[in-house]
Amino acid sequence: MLNEALVRASVIKYVKEHNTKQSNIDTIFNMELNNGFLWIRELVAELENYDSNRAIYPTLESYMPKLAEAYNVYAEKVLQYDAQRPRVASVEEFENGNVNVDASTKTITIHFDRPLSGQGYSIFMGNKGKEAFPLKAYEINFKTTK
């Protein structure tokens, strides 16, 4: 994972240095954030810091202690982020894990432990895709349990 994050941050640093439009750079950052690399901006900044201090850090290996310190900070931030995410408290129409859900079920009501941001939702339709998914997005209700 550390290597993968470094590769992704290196790609962003490369495109930033090669006359890429800011909107394209922002798109790449957002894509990596959506992929779960929540610390990608900070890691790119660390690589830029390494690059601008090559007299002190002639090799990436010599900069690794600084990267290790940075990752300790990132790990704490990820834990804080994860603690703030809403969790499913319950589902109204059936028990969690139930494999015998009535096929006539037309609505699923999902209760969360805190309010959602209201900026969309994501439903995995499975390997068979939209045609095999039994519900429409508007048939799914999202509620907050207090």
Protein backbone atom coordinates (compact mmCIF):
# COMPACT_ATOMS: atom_id res chain seq x y z
CA MET A 1 0.00 0.00 0.00
CA LEU A 2 2.89 2.35 0.77
CA ASN A 3 4.43 1.64 -2.61
CA GLU A 4 1.08 2.08 -4.37
CA ALA A 5 0.50 5.43 -2.67
CA LEU A 6 4.00 6.60 -3.63
CA VAL A 7 3.39 5.58 -7.25
CA ARG A 8 0.08 7.48 -7.34
CA ALA A 9 1.62 10.56 -5.70
CA SER A 10 4.57 10.39 -8.13
CA VAL A 11 2.19 10.33 -11.10
CA ILE A 12 0.40 13.42 -9.80
CA LYS A 13 3.71 15.18 -9.17
CA TYR A 14 4.79 14.30 -12.71
CA VAL A 15 1.63 15.65 -14.36
CA LYS A 16 1.84 18.82 -12.25
CA GLU A 17 5.36 19.41 -13.55
CA HIS A 18 4.47 18.82 -17.21
CA ASN A 19 2.09 21.66 -18.05
CA THR A 20 -1.12 19.80 -17.23
CA LYS A 21 -4.23 21.92 -16.79
CA GLN A 22 -5.20 22.46 -13.15
CA SER A 23 -8.66 21.00 -13.79
CA ASN A 24 -7.03 17.73 -14.94
CA ILE A 25 -4.78 17.68 -11.90
CA ASP A 26 -7.81 18.25 -9.66
CA THR A 27 -9.58 15.37 -11.39
CA ILE A 28 -6.67 13.04 -10.67
CA PHE A 29 -6.54 14.16 -7.03
CA ASN A 30 -10.29 13.55 -6.67
CA MET A 31 -10.00 10.15 -8.31
CA GLU A 32 -7.31 9.13 -5.83
CA LEU A 33 -9.31 10.50 -2.90
CA ASN A 34 -12.28 8.42 -4.10
CA ASN A 35 -9.97 5.40 -4.28
CA GLY A 36 -9.34 5.83 -0.56
CA PHE A 37 -5.97 7.60 -0.68
CA LEU A 38 -7.13 10.29 1.73
CA TRP A 39 -3.61 11.57 2.29
CA ILE A 40 -2.68 11.93 -1.39
CA ARG A 41 -2.37 15.74 -1.36
CA GLU A 42 -0.07 15.63 1.65
CA LEU A 43 2.02 12.86 0.10
CA VAL A 44 2.45 14.82 -3.13
CA ALA A 45 3.55 17.80 -1.01
CA GLU A 46 6.09 15.53 0.74
CA LEU A 47 7.49 14.42 -2.61
CA GLU A 48 7.74 18.04 -3.70
CA ASN A 49 9.55 18.83 -0.44
CA TYR A 50 11.94 15.95 -1.09
CA ASP A 51 12.54 17.18 -4.64
CA SER A 52 13.28 20.73 -3.52
CA ASN A 53 15.76 19.53 -0.86
CA ARG A 54 17.89 17.11 -2.88
CA ALA A 55 21.10 18.64 -1.46
CA ILE A 56 20.01 17.37 1.98
CA TYR A 57 18.25 14.22 0.71
CA PRO A 58 20.16 12.96 -2.36
CA THR A 59 18.09 9.76 -2.60
CA LEU A 60 14.54 8.77 -1.79
CA GLU A 61 16.00 6.30 0.69
CA SER A 62 17.59 9.19 2.61
CA TYR A 63 14.17 10.89 2.75
CA MET A 64 12.36 7.79 4.03
CA PRO A 65 12.51 8.78 7.72
CA LYS A 66 10.62 11.98 6.81
CA LEU A 67 8.07 9.95 4.84
CA ALA A 68 7.67 7.57 7.78
CA GLU A 69 6.89 10.55 10.05
CA ALA A 70 4.39 11.82 7.50
CA TYR A 71 2.67 8.43 7.32
CA ASN A 72 2.25 8.41 11.09
CA VAL A 73 0.32 11.69 10.76
CA TYR A 74 -1.71 10.30 7.83
CA ALA A 75 -2.65 7.20 9.82
CA GLU A 76 -4.06 9.36 12.63
CA LYS A 77 -6.04 11.46 10.15
CA VAL A 78 -7.50 8.33 8.52
CA LEU A 79 -8.59 7.05 11.93
CA GLN A 80 -10.25 10.40 12.66
CA TYR A 81 -11.97 10.37 9.27
CA ASP A 82 -13.18 6.81 9.73
CA ALA A 83 -14.64 7.64 13.16
CA GLN A 84 -16.73 10.41 11.57
CA ARG A 85 -18.28 8.28 8.83
CA PRO A 86 -21.94 7.32 9.20
CA ARG A 87 -22.63 3.67 9.97
CA VAL A 88 -25.72 1.63 9.14
CA ALA A 89 -27.70 1.30 12.38
CA SER A 90 -30.47 -0.91 10.98
CA VAL A 91 -32.53 -1.85 7.96
CA GLU A 92 -36.28 -1.65 8.38
CA GLU A 93 -37.66 -4.27 6.02
CA PHE A 94 -35.48 -7.25 7.01
CA GLU A 95 -32.72 -8.36 9.37
CA ASN A 96 -29.10 -7.71 8.43
CA GLY A 97 -27.65 -10.78 6.75
CA ASN A 98 -31.05 -12.25 5.96
CA VAL A 99 -30.87 -14.45 2.87
CA ASN A 100 -34.64 -15.02 2.68
CA VAL A 101 -35.85 -11.52 1.81
CA ASP A 102 -39.32 -11.46 0.32
CA ALA A 103 -39.04 -10.94 -3.44
CA SER A 104 -42.01 -8.56 -3.36
CA THR A 105 -40.05 -6.06 -1.24
CA LYS A 106 -40.23 -2.74 -3.09
CA THR A 107 -38.54 -0.42 -0.60
CA ILE A 108 -35.48 -0.68 1.59
CA THR A 109 -35.18 1.81 4.47
CA ILE A 110 -31.64 2.17 5.79
CA HIS A 111 -31.16 3.88 9.17
CA PHE A 112 -27.81 5.53 9.84
CA ASP A 113 -26.32 6.48 13.20
CA ARG A 114 -25.88 10.11 12.08
CA PRO A 115 -26.97 12.41 9.25
CA LEU A 116 -25.53 11.86 5.80
CA SER A 117 -23.96 14.73 3.89
CA GLY A 118 -26.79 14.69 1.35
CA GLN A 119 -24.38 14.76 -1.58
CA GLY A 120 -25.41 11.52 -3.27
CA TYR A 121 -25.18 7.84 -2.61
CA SER A 122 -23.48 4.79 -4.05
CA ILE A 123 -25.08 1.39 -4.54
CA PHE A 124 -23.13 -1.57 -5.85
CA MET A 125 -25.41 -3.28 -8.34
CA GLY A 126 -23.44 -6.54 -8.35
CA ASN A 127 -21.61 -8.32 -11.14
CA LYS A 128 -24.76 -8.69 -13.26
CA GLY A 129 -25.29 -4.94 -13.35
CA LYS A 130 -28.29 -2.65 -13.38
CA GLU A 131 -30.58 -5.05 -15.26
CA ALA A 132 -30.37 -7.63 -12.45
CA PHE A 133 -30.71 -5.13 -9.59
CA PRO A 134 -34.21 -5.45 -8.11
CA LEU A 135 -34.71 -1.89 -6.85
CA LYS A 136 -34.59 1.59 -8.32
CA ALA A 137 -32.57 4.24 -6.48
CA TYR A 138 -35.75 6.14 -5.58
CA GLU A 139 -37.09 3.04 -3.79
CA ILE A 140 -34.30 3.19 -1.21
CA ASN A 141 -34.92 5.44 1.80
CA PHE A 142 -32.06 6.80 3.88
CA LYS A 143 -32.91 7.86 7.45
CA THR A 144 -30.96 8.87 10.53
CA THR A 145 -31.53 7.00 13.77
CA LYS A 146 -31.21 9.22 16.81
